[in-house]
């Protein structure tokens, strides 16, 4: 999603190294290392916008961030459900 020039919204995969981080720890790391601002955490098909500071990341979580570019962050790969009946 883009609003033209400047920052864009990205849904990113979170590296396994971030498992166990609190939202505050993740936010600080994204800001300092990637100039990205954390907006939400995706978990099991649900978005957690502005989760509590004690919310901890688990394997499979993703994040929505706003940034000028992804840099070294990886975009989330969306898997399409294929219906074997079609």
Protein backbone atom coordinates (compact mmCIF):
# COMPACT_ATOMS: atom_id res chain seq x y z
CA UNK A 1 0.00 0.00 0.00
CA UNK A 2 1.44 3.36 -0.94
CA UNK A 3 0.42 6.94 -0.50
CA UNK A 4 2.81 8.14 -3.17
CA UNK A 5 6.24 9.38 -2.16
CA UNK A 6 7.65 8.63 1.26
CA UNK A 7 6.63 5.91 3.67
CA UNK A 8 4.57 2.85 2.82
CA UNK A 9 2.80 0.12 4.77
CA UNK A 10 4.38 -3.32 4.75
CA UNK A 11 3.40 -6.66 6.25
CA UNK A 12 6.65 -8.38 7.14
CA UNK A 13 7.77 -11.78 8.31
CA UNK A 14 9.50 -11.64 11.69
CA UNK A 15 12.84 -13.43 12.01
CA UNK A 16 12.96 -16.27 14.54
CA UNK A 17 15.46 -14.17 16.51
CA UNK A 18 12.53 -11.95 17.55
CA UNK A 19 10.52 -14.79 19.16
CA UNK A 20 9.95 -13.95 22.82
CA UNK A 21 10.44 -10.19 22.33
CA UNK A 22 7.86 -7.87 23.86
CA UNK A 23 6.10 -5.41 21.58
CA UNK A 24 8.22 -2.62 23.09
CA UNK A 25 11.44 -4.52 22.36
CA UNK A 26 10.34 -5.25 18.79
CA UNK A 27 9.27 -1.66 18.23
CA UNK A 28 12.62 -0.32 19.45
CA UNK A 29 14.55 -2.79 17.28
CA UNK A 30 12.50 -2.02 14.16
CA UNK A 31 12.93 1.70 14.73
CA UNK A 32 16.70 1.62 15.39
CA UNK A 33 17.74 -1.00 12.83
CA UNK A 34 15.23 -0.45 10.01
CA UNK A 35 13.71 3.03 10.52
CA UNK A 36 10.33 1.30 10.63
CA UNK A 37 7.39 2.01 12.93
CA UNK A 38 5.41 -0.94 14.27
CA UNK A 39 1.64 -0.66 13.78
CA UNK A 40 0.28 -4.15 14.45
CA UNK A 41 1.13 -7.79 15.06
CA UNK A 42 -0.54 -10.51 12.98
CA UNK A 43 -1.21 -13.81 14.74
CA UNK A 44 -3.35 -16.71 13.56
CA UNK A 45 -5.23 -14.56 11.06
CA UNK A 46 -5.99 -11.78 13.55
CA UNK A 47 -4.41 -8.34 13.76
CA UNK A 48 -3.41 -7.03 17.18
CA UNK A 49 -3.24 -3.26 16.78
CA UNK A 50 -1.34 -1.47 19.53
CA UNK A 51 -1.07 -4.58 21.76
CA UNK A 52 -0.20 -4.27 25.45
CA UNK A 53 3.48 -3.88 26.30
CA UNK A 54 3.57 -7.40 27.83
CA UNK A 55 2.41 -8.98 24.52
CA UNK A 56 5.18 -11.40 23.52
CA UNK A 57 6.00 -12.60 20.01
CA UNK A 58 5.58 -16.25 19.14
CA UNK A 59 6.69 -18.28 16.12
CA UNK A 60 4.55 -17.46 13.09
CA UNK A 61 3.74 -13.88 14.09
CA UNK A 62 4.12 -11.17 11.45
CA UNK A 63 4.07 -7.39 11.70
CA UNK A 64 2.61 -4.41 9.92
CA UNK A 65 5.04 -1.51 9.78
CA UNK A 66 5.31 1.85 8.10
CA UNK A 67 8.69 2.59 6.53
CA UNK A 68 10.27 4.26 3.52
CA UNK A 69 11.63 0.90 2.34
CA UNK A 70 11.96 -2.66 3.55
CA UNK A 71 15.73 -2.61 3.64
CA UNK A 72 16.75 -6.03 4.98
CA UNK A 73 13.26 -6.90 6.26
CA UNK A 74 11.42 -9.65 4.40
CA UNK A 75 7.92 -9.11 3.09
CA UNK A 76 5.40 -11.66 4.27
CA UNK A 77 4.77 -14.35 1.67
CA UNK A 78 1.04 -14.82 1.34
CA UNK A 79 -0.04 -18.40 0.83
CA UNK A 80 -3.13 -18.86 -1.27
CA UNK A 81 -5.53 -21.60 -0.25
CA UNK A 82 -6.04 -23.77 -3.29
CA UNK A 83 -9.33 -25.58 -3.56
CA UNK A 84 -8.65 -29.06 -4.95
CA UNK A 85 -12.26 -29.13 -6.22
CA UNK A 86 -11.57 -26.41 -8.81
